[in-house]
PDB file of N, CA and C in Angstrom:
ATOM      1  N   MET A   1     118.441  40.430 163.900  1.00  0.00           N
ATOM      2  CA  MET A   1     119.432  41.490 163.852  1.00  0.00           C
ATOM      3  C   MET A   1     120.846  40.891 163.906  1.00  0.00           C
ATOM      4  N   ILE A   2     121.033  39.880 164.715  1.00  0.00           N
ATOM      5  CA  ILE A   2     122.355  39.254 164.828  1.00  0.00           C
ATOM      6  C   ILE A   2     122.756  38.603 163.505  1.00  0.00           C
ATOM      7  N   ASP A   3     121.787  37.936 162.845  1.00  0.00           N
ATOM      8  CA  ASP A   3     122.082  37.318 161.554  1.00  0.00           C
ATOM      9  C   ASP A   3     122.500  38.370 160.536  1.00  0.00           C
ATOM     10  N   ASP A   4     121.808  39.511 160.544  1.00  0.00           N
ATOM     11  CA  ASP A   4     122.154  40.603 159.644  1.00  0.00           C
ATOM     12  C   ASP A   4     123.569  41.106 159.937  1.00  0.00           C
ATOM     13  N   LEU A   5     123.901  41.200 161.207  1.00  0.00           N
ATOM     14  CA  LEU A   5     125.237  41.633 161.596  1.00  0.00           C
ATOM     15  C   LEU A   5     126.300  40.676 161.063  1.00  0.00           C
ATOM     16  N   TYR A   6     126.067  39.391 161.205  1.00  0.00           N
ATOM     17  CA  TYR A   6     127.037  38.402 160.696  1.00  0.00           C
ATOM     18  C   TYR A   6     127.181  38.488 159.179  1.00  0.00           C
ATOM     19  N   ARG A   7     126.081  38.685 158.469  1.00  0.00           N
ATOM     20  CA  ARG A   7     126.155  38.829 157.004  1.00  0.00           C
ATOM     21  C   ARG A   7     126.990  40.056 156.634  1.00  0.00           C
ATOM     22  N   LYS A   8     126.748  41.147 157.342  1.00  0.00           N
ATOM     23  CA  LYS A   8     127.499  42.383 157.058  1.00  0.00           C
ATOM     24  C   LYS A   8     128.986  42.197 157.374  1.00  0.00           C
ATOM     25  N   LEU A   9     129.281  41.515 158.467  1.00  0.00           N
ATOM     26  CA  LEU A   9     130.682  41.273 158.824  1.00  0.00           C
ATOM     27  C   LEU A   9     131.363  40.397 157.782  1.00  0.00           C
ATOM     28  N   ASP A  10     130.671  39.375 157.286  1.00  0.00           N
ATOM     29  CA  ASP A  10     131.231  38.531 156.230  1.00  0.00           C
ATOM     30  C   ASP A  10     131.507  39.351 154.978  1.00  0.00           C
ATOM     31  N   ARG A  11     130.573  40.210 154.628  1.00  0.00           N
ATOM     32  CA  ARG A  11     130.752  41.062 153.447  1.00  0.00           C
ATOM     33  C   ARG A  11     131.910  42.034 153.647  1.00  0.00           C
ATOM     34  N   LEU A  12     132.055  42.541 154.857  1.00  0.00           N
ATOM     35  CA  LEU A  12     133.130  43.484 155.152  1.00  0.00           C
ATOM     36  C   LEU A  12     134.499  42.841 154.953  1.00  0.00           C
ATOM     37  N   MET A  13     134.601  41.548 155.218  1.00  0.00           N
ATOM     38  CA  MET A  13     135.866  40.840 155.011  1.00  0.00           C
ATOM     39  C   MET A  13     136.272  40.890 153.538  1.00  0.00           C
ATOM     40  N   MET A  14     135.286  40.944 152.647  1.00  0.00           N
ATOM     41  CA  MET A  14     135.562  41.011 151.210  1.00  0.00           C
ATOM     42  C   MET A  14     135.740  42.450 150.727  1.00  0.00           C
ATOM     43  N   GLU A  15     135.227  43.403 151.477  1.00  0.00           N
ATOM     44  CA  GLU A  15     135.296  44.813 151.097  1.00  0.00           C
ATOM     45  C   GLU A  15     135.791  45.642 152.279  1.00  0.00           C
ATOM     46  N   PRO A  16     137.060  45.515 152.644  1.00  0.00           N
ATOM     47  CA  PRO A  16     137.543  46.156 153.883  1.00  0.00           C
ATOM     48  C   PRO A  16     137.561  47.688 153.873  1.00  0.00           C
ATOM     49  N   ASP A  17     137.383  48.312 152.725  1.00  0.00           N
ATOM     50  CA  ASP A  17     137.375  49.775 152.670  1.00  0.00           C
ATOM     51  C   ASP A  17     135.992  50.338 152.377  1.00  0.00           C
ATOM     52  N   ASN A  18     134.959  49.564 152.669  1.00  0.00           N
ATOM     53  CA  ASN A  18     133.594  49.979 152.403  1.00  0.00           C
ATOM     54  C   ASN A  18     133.040  50.733 153.620  1.00  0.00           C
ATOM     55  N   ALA A  19     133.090  52.059 153.545  1.00  0.00           N
ATOM     56  CA  ALA A  19     132.646  52.897 154.665  1.00  0.00           C
ATOM     57  C   ALA A  19     131.177  52.672 154.998  1.00  0.00           C
ATOM     58  N   GLY A  20     130.371  52.432 153.987  1.00  0.00           N
ATOM     59  CA  GLY A  20     128.954  52.193 154.220  1.00  0.00           C
ATOM     60  C   GLY A  20     128.707  50.957 155.067  1.00  0.00           C
ATOM     61  N   LEU A  21     129.490  49.911 154.837  1.00  0.00           N
ATOM     62  CA  LEU A  21     129.353  48.695 155.650  1.00  0.00           C
ATOM     63  C   LEU A  21     129.785  48.950 157.090  1.00  0.00           C
ATOM     64  N   TYR A  22     130.891  49.654 157.261  1.00  0.00           N
ATOM     65  CA  TYR A  22     131.312  49.995 158.627  1.00  0.00           C
ATOM     66  C   TYR A  22     130.220  50.786 159.339  1.00  0.00           C
ATOM     67  N   ASN A  23     129.611  51.735 158.618  1.00  0.00           N
ATOM     68  CA  ASN A  23     128.545  52.540 159.195  1.00  0.00           C
ATOM     69  C   ASN A  23     127.349  51.667 159.578  1.00  0.00           C
ATOM     70  N   THR A  24     126.950  50.775 158.684  1.00  0.00           N
ATOM     71  CA  THR A  24     125.807  49.895 158.953  1.00  0.00           C
ATOM     72  C   THR A  24     126.083  48.991 160.154  1.00  0.00           C
ATOM     73  N   ILE A  25     127.272  48.405 160.187  1.00  0.00           N
ATOM     74  CA  ILE A  25     127.627  47.536 161.314  1.00  0.00           C
ATOM     75  C   ILE A  25     127.653  48.343 162.606  1.00  0.00           C
ATOM     76  N   GLY A  26     128.203  49.548 162.553  1.00  0.00           N
ATOM     77  CA  GLY A  26     128.235  50.407 163.737  1.00  0.00           C
ATOM     78  C   GLY A  26     126.848  50.744 164.253  1.00  0.00           C
ATOM     79  N   THR A  27     125.927  51.016 163.337  1.00  0.00           N
ATOM     80  CA  THR A  27     124.567  51.342 163.781  1.00  0.00           C
ATOM     81  C   THR A  27     123.848  50.108 164.340  1.00  0.00           C
ATOM     82  N   ILE A  28     124.122  48.942 163.767  1.00  0.00           N
ATOM     83  CA  ILE A  28     123.546  47.712 164.332  1.00  0.00           C
ATOM     84  C   ILE A  28     124.088  47.492 165.743  1.00  0.00           C
ATOM     85  N   LEU A  29     125.377  47.704 165.915  1.00  0.00           N
ATOM     86  CA  LEU A  29     125.986  47.542 167.238  1.00  0.00           C
ATOM     87  C   LEU A  29     125.420  48.552 168.238  1.00  0.00           C
ATOM     88  N   CYS A  30     125.078  49.745 167.758  1.00  0.00           N
ATOM     89  CA  CYS A  30     124.422  50.726 168.642  1.00  0.00           C
ATOM     90  C   CYS A  30     123.083  50.189 169.115  1.00  0.00           C
ATOM     91  N   ARG A  31     122.317  49.609 168.207  1.00  0.00           N
ATOM     92  CA  ARG A  31     121.019  49.057 168.593  1.00  0.00           C
ATOM     93  C   ARG A  31     121.171  47.919 169.591  1.00  0.00           C
ATOM     94  N   LEU A  32     122.316  47.230 169.520  1.00  0.00           N
ATOM     95  CA  LEU A  32     122.599  46.155 170.467  1.00  0.00           C
ATOM     96  C   LEU A  32     123.260  46.685 171.744  1.00  0.00           C
ATOM     97  N   ARG A  33     123.458  47.997 171.806  1.00  0.00           N
ATOM     98  CA  ARG A  33     124.090  48.683 172.937  1.00  0.00           C
ATOM     99  C   ARG A  33     125.531  48.222 173.195  1.00  0.00           C
ATOM    100  N   ASP A  34     126.198  47.864 172.117  1.00  0.00           N
ATOM    101  CA  ASP A  34     127.613  47.508 172.184  1.00  0.00           C
ATOM    102  C   ASP A  34     128.394  48.762 171.774  1.00  0.00           C
ATOM    103  N   TRP A  35     128.430  49.715 172.695  1.00  0.00           N
ATOM    104  CA  TRP A  35     128.946  51.057 172.396  1.00  0.00           C
ATOM    105  C   TRP A  35     130.411  51.056 171.970  1.00  0.00           C
ATOM    106  N   GLY A  36     131.235  50.253 172.625  1.00  0.00           N
ATOM    107  CA  GLY A  36     132.661  50.247 172.299  1.00  0.00           C
ATOM    108  C   GLY A  36     132.919  49.796 170.874  1.00  0.00           C
ATOM    109  N   ASN A  37     132.304  48.695 170.476  1.00  0.00           N
ATOM    110  CA  ASN A  37     132.477  48.213 169.103  1.00  0.00           C
ATOM    111  C   ASN A  37     131.791  49.121 168.101  1.00  0.00           C
ATOM    112  N   ALA A  38     130.656  49.687 168.487  1.00  0.00           N
ATOM    113  CA  ALA A  38     129.986  50.644 167.602  1.00  0.00           C
ATOM    114  C   ALA A  38     130.912  51.824 167.328  1.00  0.00           C
ATOM    115  N   GLU A  39     131.547  52.320 168.372  1.00  0.00           N
ATOM    116  CA  GLU A  39     132.484  53.438 168.192  1.00  0.00           C
ATOM    117  C   GLU A  39     133.622  53.046 167.258  1.00  0.00           C
ATOM    118  N   ARG A  40     134.122  51.843 167.429  1.00  0.00           N
ATOM    119  CA  ARG A  40     135.240  51.372 166.596  1.00  0.00           C
ATOM    120  C   ARG A  40     134.844  51.322 165.116  1.00  0.00           C
ATOM    121  N   TYR A  41     133.693  50.739 164.832  1.00  0.00           N
ATOM    122  CA  TYR A  41     133.251  50.611 163.436  1.00  0.00           C
ATOM    123  C   TYR A  41     132.879  51.961 162.836  1.00  0.00           C
ATOM    124  N   LEU A  42     132.179  52.795 163.592  1.00  0.00           N
ATOM    125  CA  LEU A  42     131.816  54.107 163.075  1.00  0.00           C
ATOM    126  C   LEU A  42     133.042  55.000 162.915  1.00  0.00           C
ATOM    127  N   GLY A  43     134.009  54.844 163.810  1.00  0.00           N
ATOM    128  CA  GLY A  43     135.262  55.589 163.675  1.00  0.00           C
ATOM    129  C   GLY A  43     135.998  55.216 162.405  1.00  0.00           C
ATOM    130  N   ARG A  44     135.980  53.934 162.070  1.00  0.00           N
ATOM    131  CA  ARG A  44     136.621  53.471 160.826  1.00  0.00           C
ATOM    132  C   ARG A  44     135.871  54.013 159.610  1.00  0.00           C
ATOM    133  N   ALA A  45     134.546  54.011 159.663  1.00  0.00           N
ATOM    134  CA  ALA A  45     133.756  54.580 158.562  1.00  0.00           C
ATOM    135  C   ALA A  45     134.113  56.052 158.365  1.00  0.00           C
ATOM    136  N   TYR A  46     134.266  56.760 159.477  1.00  0.00           N
ATOM    137  CA  TYR A  46     134.633  58.183 159.438  1.00  0.00           C
ATOM    138  C   TYR A  46     136.022  58.378 158.837  1.00  0.00           C
ATOM    139  N   GLU A  47     136.952  57.500 159.172  1.00  0.00           N
ATOM    140  CA  GLU A  47     138.304  57.587 158.591  1.00  0.00           C
ATOM    141  C   GLU A  47     138.264  57.419 157.075  1.00  0.00           C
ATOM    142  N   ILE A  48     137.449  56.501 156.608  1.00  0.00           N
ATOM    143  CA  ILE A  48     137.371  56.214 155.179  1.00  0.00           C
ATOM    144  C   ILE A  48     136.621  57.310 154.430  1.00  0.00           C
ATOM    145  N   ARG A  49     135.514  57.784 154.999  1.00  0.00           N
ATOM    146  CA  ARG A  49     134.670  58.761 154.310  1.00  0.00           C
ATOM    147  C   ARG A  49     134.307  59.896 155.266  1.00  0.00           C
ATOM    148  N   PRO A  50     135.254  60.811 155.535  1.00  0.00           N
ATOM    149  CA  PRO A  50     135.037  61.858 156.544  1.00  0.00           C
ATOM    150  C   PRO A  50     134.050  62.955 156.151  1.00  0.00           C
ATOM    151  N   ALA A  51     133.567  62.954 154.924  1.00  0.00           N
ATOM    152  CA  ALA A  51     132.634  63.997 154.511  1.00  0.00           C
ATOM    153  C   ALA A  51     131.216  63.458 154.315  1.00  0.00           C
ATOM    154  N   ASP A  52     130.936  62.281 154.835  1.00  0.00           N
ATOM    155  CA  ASP A  52     129.599  61.686 154.727  1.00  0.00           C
ATOM    156  C   ASP A  52     128.793  62.098 155.956  1.00  0.00           C
ATOM    157  N   SER A  53     127.745  62.886 155.760  1.00  0.00           N
ATOM    158  CA  SER A  53     127.022  63.436 156.906  1.00  0.00           C
ATOM    159  C   SER A  53     126.326  62.357 157.746  1.00  0.00           C
ATOM    160  N   ASP A  54     125.857  61.283 157.128  1.00  0.00           N
ATOM    161  CA  ASP A  54     125.230  60.224 157.916  1.00  0.00           C
ATOM    162  C   ASP A  54     126.249  59.525 158.821  1.00  0.00           C
ATOM    163  N   ILE A  55     127.423  59.247 158.273  1.00  0.00           N
ATOM    164  CA  ILE A  55     128.495  58.644 159.072  1.00  0.00           C
ATOM    165  C   ILE A  55     128.893  59.593 160.196  1.00  0.00           C
ATOM    166  N   LEU A  56     129.065  60.857 159.870  1.00  0.00           N
ATOM    167  CA  LEU A  56     129.445  61.849 160.883  1.00  0.00           C
ATOM    168  C   LEU A  56     128.414  61.911 162.001  1.00  0.00           C
ATOM    169  N   TYR A  57     127.152  61.897 161.628  1.00  0.00           N
ATOM    170  CA  TYR A  57     126.116  61.979 162.658  1.00  0.00           C
ATOM    171  C   TYR A  57     126.117  60.718 163.532  1.00  0.00           C
ATOM    172  N   ASN A  58     126.173  59.565 162.917  1.00  0.00           N
ATOM    173  CA  ASN A  58     126.174  58.322 163.700  1.00  0.00           C
ATOM    174  C   ASN A  58     127.376  58.256 164.637  1.00  0.00           C
ATOM    175  N   TYR A  59     128.528  58.688 164.138  1.00  0.00           N
ATOM    176  CA  TYR A  59     129.738  58.685 164.960  1.00  0.00           C
ATOM    177  C   TYR A  59     129.604  59.694 166.104  1.00  0.00           C
ATOM    178  N   THR A  60     129.033  60.864 165.810  1.00  0.00           N
ATOM    179  CA  THR A  60     128.789  61.857 166.852  1.00  0.00           C
ATOM    180  C   THR A  60     127.916  61.273 167.958  1.00  0.00           C
ATOM    181  N   VAL A  61     126.851  60.597 167.566  1.00  0.00           N
ATOM    182  CA  VAL A  61     125.910  60.037 168.542  1.00  0.00           C
ATOM    183  C   VAL A  61     126.591  59.014 169.436  1.00  0.00           C
ATOM    184  N   VAL A  62     127.374  58.109 168.848  1.00  0.00           N
ATOM    185  CA  VAL A  62     128.007  57.080 169.690  1.00  0.00           C
ATOM    186  C   VAL A  62     129.053  57.709 170.618  1.00  0.00           C
ATOM    187  N   LEU A  63     129.773  58.700 170.160  1.00  0.00           N
ATOM    188  CA  LEU A  63     130.727  59.390 171.035  1.00  0.00           C
ATOM    189  C   LEU A  63     129.981  60.098 172.163  1.00  0.00           C
ATOM    190  N   TYR A  64     128.858  60.709 171.827  1.00  0.00           N
ATOM    191  CA  TYR A  64     128.015  61.372 172.825  1.00  0.00           C
ATOM    192  C   TYR A  64     127.523  60.366 173.869  1.00  0.00           C
ATOM    193  N   LEU A  65     127.036  59.236 173.412  1.00  0.00           N
ATOM    194  CA  LEU A  65     126.528  58.209 174.331  1.00  0.00           C
ATOM    195  C   LEU A  65     127.624  57.644 175.229  1.00  0.00           C
ATOM    196  N   ARG A  66     128.856  57.667 174.739  1.00  0.00           N
ATOM    197  CA  ARG A  66     129.987  57.189 175.539  1.00  0.00           C
ATOM    198  C   ARG A  66     130.578  58.312 176.388  1.00  0.00           C
ATOM    199  N   GLN A  67     129.920  59.463 176.396  1.00  0.00           N
ATOM    200  CA  GLN A  67     130.319  60.640 177.162  1.00  0.00           C
ATOM    201  C   GLN A  67     131.697  61.168 176.761  1.00  0.00           C
ATOM    202  N   LYS A  68     132.012  61.035 175.506  1.00  0.00           N
ATOM    203  CA  LYS A  68     133.243  61.594 174.946  1.00  0.00           C
ATOM    204  C   LYS A  68     132.855  62.903 174.253  1.00  0.00           C
ATOM    205  N   TYR A  69     132.472  63.868 175.060  1.00  0.00           N
ATOM    206  CA  TYR A  69     131.857  65.080 174.557  1.00  0.00           C
ATOM    207  C   TYR A  69     132.789  65.938 173.708  1.00  0.00           C
ATOM    208  N   ARG A  70     134.024  66.016 174.072  1.00  0.00           N
ATOM    209  CA  ARG A  70     134.969  66.832 173.288  1.00  0.00           C
ATOM    210  C   ARG A  70     135.114  66.264 171.873  1.00  0.00           C
ATOM    211  N   GLU A  71     135.305  64.933 171.791  1.00  0.00           N
ATOM    212  CA  GLU A  71     135.422  64.291 170.478  1.00  0.00           C
ATOM    213  C   GLU A  71     134.111  64.403 169.707  1.00  0.00           C
ATOM    214  N   ALA A  72     132.997  64.216 170.402  1.00  0.00           N
ATOM    215  CA  ALA A  72     131.686  64.309 169.754  1.00  0.00           C
ATOM    216  C   ALA A  72     131.482  65.712 169.179  1.00  0.00           C
ATOM    217  N   ALA A  73     131.877  66.724 169.925  1.00  0.00           N
ATOM    218  CA  ALA A  73     131.737  68.105 169.447  1.00  0.00           C
ATOM    219  C   ALA A  73     132.578  68.334 168.199  1.00  0.00           C
ATOM    220  N   SER A  74     133.767  67.777 168.175  1.00  0.00           N
ATOM    221  CA  SER A  74     134.645  67.931 167.017  1.00  0.00           C
ATOM    222  C   SER A  74     134.040  67.289 165.766  1.00  0.00           C
ATOM    223  N   VAL A  75     133.525  66.087 165.904  1.00  0.00           N
ATOM    224  CA  VAL A  75     132.908  65.401 164.766  1.00  0.00           C
ATOM    225  C   VAL A  75     131.631  66.130 164.354  1.00  0.00           C
ATOM    226  N   CYS A  76     130.881  66.604 165.330  1.00  0.00           N
ATOM    227  CA  CYS A  76     129.658  67.355 165.070  1.00  0.00           C
ATOM    228  C   CYS A  76     129.971  68.621 164.263  1.00  0.00           C
ATOM    229  N   ARG A  77     131.018  69.306 164.630  1.00  0.00           N
ATOM    230  CA  ARG A  77     131.410  70.522 163.901  1.00  0.00           C
ATOM    231  C   ARG A  77     131.834  70.194 162.472  1.00  0.00           C
ATOM    232  N   ALA A  78     132.438  69.021 162.273  1.00  0.00           N
ATOM    233  CA  ALA A  78     132.782  68.583 160.907  1.00  0.00           C
ATOM    234  C   ALA A  78     131.500  68.434 160.082  1.00  0.00           C
ATOM    235  N   GLY A  79     130.454  67.903 160.698  1.00  0.00           N
ATOM    236  CA  GLY A  79     129.165  67.801 160.021  1.00  0.00           C
ATOM    237  C   GLY A  79     128.588  69.163 159.690  1.00  0.00           C
ATOM    238  N   LEU A  80     128.755  70.112 160.595  1.00  0.00           N
ATOM    239  CA  LEU A  80     128.252  71.466 160.353  1.00  0.00           C
ATOM    240  C   LEU A  80     129.060  72.195 159.287  1.00  0.00           C
ATOM    241  N   ARG A  81     130.302  71.799 159.066  1.00  0.00           N
ATOM    242  CA  ARG A  81     131.068  72.386 157.964  1.00  0.00           C
ATOM    243  C   ARG A  81     130.490  71.935 156.616  1.00  0.00           C
ATOM    244  N   ILE A  82     129.908  70.736 156.594  1.00  0.00           N
ATOM    245  CA  ILE A  82     129.276  70.244 155.370  1.00  0.00           C
ATOM    246  C   ILE A  82     127.945  70.959 155.145  1.00  0.00           C
ATOM    247  N   ASP A  83     127.147  71.051 156.202  1.00  0.00           N
ATOM    248  CA  ASP A  83     125.850  71.737 156.125  1.00  0.00           C
ATOM    249  C   ASP A  83     125.629  72.502 157.425  1.00  0.00           C
ATOM    250  N   PRO A  84     125.900  73.806 157.408  1.00  0.00           N
ATOM    251  CA  PRO A  84     125.788  74.603 158.631  1.00  0.00           C
ATOM    252  C   PRO A  84     124.369  74.704 159.202  1.00  0.00           C
ATOM    253  N   HIS A  85     123.373  74.248 158.451  1.00  0.00           N
ATOM    254  CA  HIS A  85     121.988  74.355 158.906  1.00  0.00           C
ATOM    255  C   HIS A  85     121.365  72.993 159.206  1.00  0.00           C
ATOM    256  N   ASP A  86     122.181  71.955 159.265  1.00  0.00           N
ATOM    257  CA  ASP A  86     121.651  70.613 159.525  1.00  0.00           C
ATOM    258  C   ASP A  86     121.152  70.541 160.969  1.00  0.00           C
ATOM    259  N   PRO A  87     119.846  70.388 161.165  1.00  0.00           N
ATOM    260  CA  PRO A  87     119.307  70.422 162.525  1.00  0.00           C
ATOM    261  C   PRO A  87     119.794  69.270 163.408  1.00  0.00           C
ATOM    262  N   ARG A  88     120.153  68.144 162.797  1.00  0.00           N
ATOM    263  CA  ARG A  88     120.655  67.020 163.605  1.00  0.00           C
ATOM    264  C   ARG A  88     121.936  67.423 164.331  1.00  0.00           C
ATOM    265  N   PHE A  89     122.848  68.028 163.579  1.00  0.00           N
ATOM    266  CA  PHE A  89     124.128  68.430 164.170  1.00  0.00           C
ATOM    267  C   PHE A  89     123.970  69.620 165.108  1.00  0.00           C
ATOM    268  N   LEU A  90     123.119  70.566 164.742  1.00  0.00           N
ATOM    269  CA  LEU A  90     122.905  71.734 165.599  1.00  0.00           C
ATOM    270  C   LEU A  90     122.333  71.312 166.955  1.00  0.00           C
ATOM    271  N   GLU A  91     121.337  70.426 166.925  1.00  0.00           N
ATOM    272  CA  GLU A  91     120.732  69.981 168.179  1.00  0.00           C
ATOM    273  C   GLU A  91     121.722  69.183 169.021  1.00  0.00           C
ATOM    274  N   LYS A  92     122.479  68.291 168.378  1.00  0.00           N
ATOM    275  CA  LYS A  92     123.438  67.476 169.131  1.00  0.00           C
ATOM    276  C   LYS A  92     124.546  68.367 169.693  1.00  0.00           C
ATOM    277  N   LEU A  93     124.982  69.364 168.924  1.00  0.00           N
ATOM    278  CA  LEU A  93     125.991  70.292 169.439  1.00  0.00           C
ATOM    279  C   LEU A  93     125.439  71.053 170.638  1.00  0.00           C
ATOM    280  N   GLY A  94     124.181  71.443 170.576  1.00  0.00           N
ATOM    281  CA  GLY A  94     123.551  72.103 171.723  1.00  0.00           C
ATOM    282  C   GLY A  94     123.560  71.207 172.948  1.00  0.00           C
ATOM    283  N   ASP A  95     123.217  69.937 172.750  1.00  0.00           N
ATOM    284  CA  ASP A  95     123.224  68.975 173.867  1.00  0.00           C
ATOM    285  C   ASP A  95     124.624  68.832 174.464  1.00  0.00           C
ATOM    286  N   ILE A  96     125.610  68.733 173.592  1.00  0.00           N
ATOM    287  CA  ILE A  96     127.001  68.563 174.045  1.00  0.00           C
ATOM    288  C   ILE A  96     127.455  69.804 174.817  1.00  0.00           C
ATOM    289  N   CYS A  97     127.199  70.963 174.262  1.00  0.00           N
ATOM    290  CA  CYS A  97     127.600  72.210 174.936  1.00  0.00           C
ATOM    291  C   CYS A  97     126.922  72.335 176.299  1.00  0.00           C
ATOM    292  N   TYR A  98     125.638  71.996 176.349  1.00  0.00           N
ATOM    293  CA  TYR A  98     124.909  72.065 177.615  1.00  0.00           C
ATOM    294  C   TYR A  98     125.554  71.159 178.667  1.00  0.00           C
ATOM    295  N   LEU A  99     125.856  69.925 178.272  1.00  0.00           N
ATOM    296  CA  LEU A  99     126.446  68.977 179.223  1.00  0.00           C
ATOM    297  C   LEU A  99     127.859  69.377 179.650  1.00  0.00           C
ATOM    298  N   ARG A 100     128.527  70.146 178.816  1.00  0.00           N
ATOM    299  CA  ARG A 100     129.870  70.620 179.156  1.00  0.00           C
ATOM    300  C   ARG A 100     129.823  71.951 179.907  1.00  0.00           C
ATOM    301  N   GLY A 101     128.621  72.453 180.192  1.00  0.00           N
ATOM    302  CA  GLY A 101     128.489  73.696 180.938  1.00  0.00           C
ATOM    303  C   GLY A 101     128.669  74.942 180.100  1.00  0.00           C
ATOM    304  N   LYS A 102     128.626  74.798 178.788  1.00  0.00           N
ATOM    305  CA  LYS A 102     128.778  75.944 177.886  1.00  0.00           C
ATOM    306  C   LYS A 102     127.380  76.379 177.447  1.00  0.00           C
ATOM    307  N   TYR A 103     126.690  77.035 178.372  1.00  0.00           N
ATOM    308  CA  TYR A 103     125.272  77.318 178.201  1.00  0.00           C
ATOM    309  C   TYR A 103     124.977  78.312 177.089  1.00  0.00           C
ATOM    310  N   GLU A 104     125.826  79.320 176.916  1.00  0.00           N
ATOM    311  CA  GLU A 104     125.594  80.284 175.836  1.00  0.00           C
ATOM    312  C   GLU A 104     125.746  79.619 174.477  1.00  0.00           C
ATOM    313  N   ALA A 105     126.756  78.772 174.335  1.00  0.00           N
ATOM    314  CA  ALA A 105     126.951  78.049 173.078  1.00  0.00           C
ATOM    315  C   ALA A 105     125.786  77.088 172.826  1.00  0.00           C
ATOM    316  N   ALA A 106     125.296  76.459 173.889  1.00  0.00           N
ATOM    317  CA  ALA A 106     124.139  75.558 173.762  1.00  0.00           C
ATOM    318  C   ALA A 106     122.921  76.339 173.292  1.00  0.00           C
ATOM    319  N   ALA A 107     122.672  77.483 173.914  1.00  0.00           N
ATOM    320  CA  ALA A 107     121.523  78.307 173.539  1.00  0.00           C
ATOM    321  C   ALA A 107     121.620  78.749 172.083  1.00  0.00           C
ATOM    322  N   SER A 108     122.818  79.104 171.657  1.00  0.00           N
ATOM    323  CA  SER A 108     123.032  79.522 170.272  1.00  0.00           C
ATOM    324  C   SER A 108     122.739  78.370 169.300  1.00  0.00           C
ATOM    325  N   ALA A 109     123.214  77.182 169.642  1.00  0.00           N
ATOM    326  CA  ALA A 109     122.966  76.017 168.784  1.00  0.00           C
ATOM    327  C   ALA A 109     121.471  75.710 168.716  1.00  0.00           C
ATOM    328  N   TYR A 110     120.810  75.731 169.858  1.00  0.00           N
ATOM    329  CA  TYR A 110     119.366  75.460 169.875  1.00  0.00           C
ATOM    330  C   TYR A 110     118.586  76.522 169.085  1.00  0.00           C
ATOM    331  N   LYS A 111     119.019  77.778 169.199  1.00  0.00           N
ATOM    332  CA  LYS A 111     118.362  78.843 168.436  1.00  0.00           C
ATOM    333  C   LYS A 111     118.551  78.608 166.940  1.00  0.00           C
ATOM    334  N   SER A 112     119.726  78.122 166.559  1.00  0.00           N
ATOM    335  CA  SER A 112     119.989  77.832 165.151  1.00  0.00           C
ATOM    336  C   SER A 112     119.107  76.694 164.640  1.00  0.00           C
ATOM    337  N   VAL A 113     118.802  75.732 165.514  1.00  0.00           N
ATOM    338  CA  VAL A 113     117.893  74.645 165.129  1.00  0.00           C
ATOM    339  C   VAL A 113     116.525  75.233 164.805  1.00  0.00           C
ATOM    340  N   ARG A 114     116.061  76.100 165.668  1.00  0.00           N
ATOM    341  CA  ARG A 114     114.752  76.724 165.472  1.00  0.00           C
ATOM    342  C   ARG A 114     114.742  77.551 164.190  1.00  0.00           C
ATOM    343  N   THR A 115     115.804  78.316 163.962  1.00  0.00           N
ATOM    344  CA  THR A 115     115.893  79.140 162.759  1.00  0.00           C
ATOM    345  C   THR A 115     115.910  78.264 161.517  1.00  0.00           C
ATOM    346  N   ALA A 116     116.680  77.162 161.549  1.00  0.00           N
ATOM    347  CA  ALA A 116     116.743  76.245 160.398  1.00  0.00           C
ATOM    348  C   ALA A 116     115.380  75.615 160.155  1.00  0.00           C
ATOM    349  N   SER A 117     114.675  75.274 161.210  1.00  0.00           N
ATOM    350  CA  SER A 117     113.342  74.674 161.076  1.00  0.00           C
ATOM    351  C   SER A 117     112.353  75.685 160.493  1.00  0.00           C
ATOM    352  N   ASP A 118     112.461  76.930 160.944  1.00  0.00           N
ATOM    353  CA  ASP A 118     111.567  77.981 160.418  1.00  0.00           C
ATOM    354  C   ASP A 118     111.805  78.177 158.921  1.00  0.00           C
ATOM    355  N   LYS A 119     113.068  78.155 158.503  1.00  0.00           N
ATOM    356  CA  LYS A 119     113.396  78.341 157.080  1.00  0.00           C
ATOM    357  C   LYS A 119     112.914  77.152 156.267  1.00  0.00           C
ATOM    358  N   ALA A 120     113.039  75.962 156.828  1.00  0.00           N
ATOM    359  CA  ALA A 120     112.602  74.754 156.098  1.00  0.00           C
ATOM    360  C   ALA A 120     111.090  74.746 155.930  1.00  0.00           C
ATOM    361  N   GLY A 121     110.370  75.301 156.895  1.00  0.00           N
ATOM    362  CA  GLY A 121     108.919  75.342 156.843  1.00  0.00           C
ATOM    363  C   GLY A 121     108.379  76.402 155.910  1.00  0.00           C
ATOM    364  N   SER A 122     109.216  77.360 155.528  1.00  0.00           N
ATOM    365  CA  SER A 122     108.775  78.471 154.666  1.00  0.00           C
ATOM    366  C   SER A 122     108.626  78.046 153.237  1.00  0.00           C
TER     367      SER A 122
END
């Protein structure tokens, strides 16, 4: 994994505006539990490509893991603007709302996950 990270970092030096590389490096750093650097790389990917749902989700997760719930909720909502029925974002928003003590909003998000799953199964 470390060798892969170094290869990606070398490639990033040649392609500094490649959001996909920032996203990949950020996810590798998450697996290494280097949350601060993961946040930095995923944040840069988000700056470059703010409408990419995979980048948005990965960035939401790292913000959530760093207990930056307000920021995570904001990025999560950006993902829901792209796809209001994406269960990944709905579930993560429910988790964030629950941890922030917004139980009704959490329940609503979780209910939306169930509704989206029911529609997908139909």
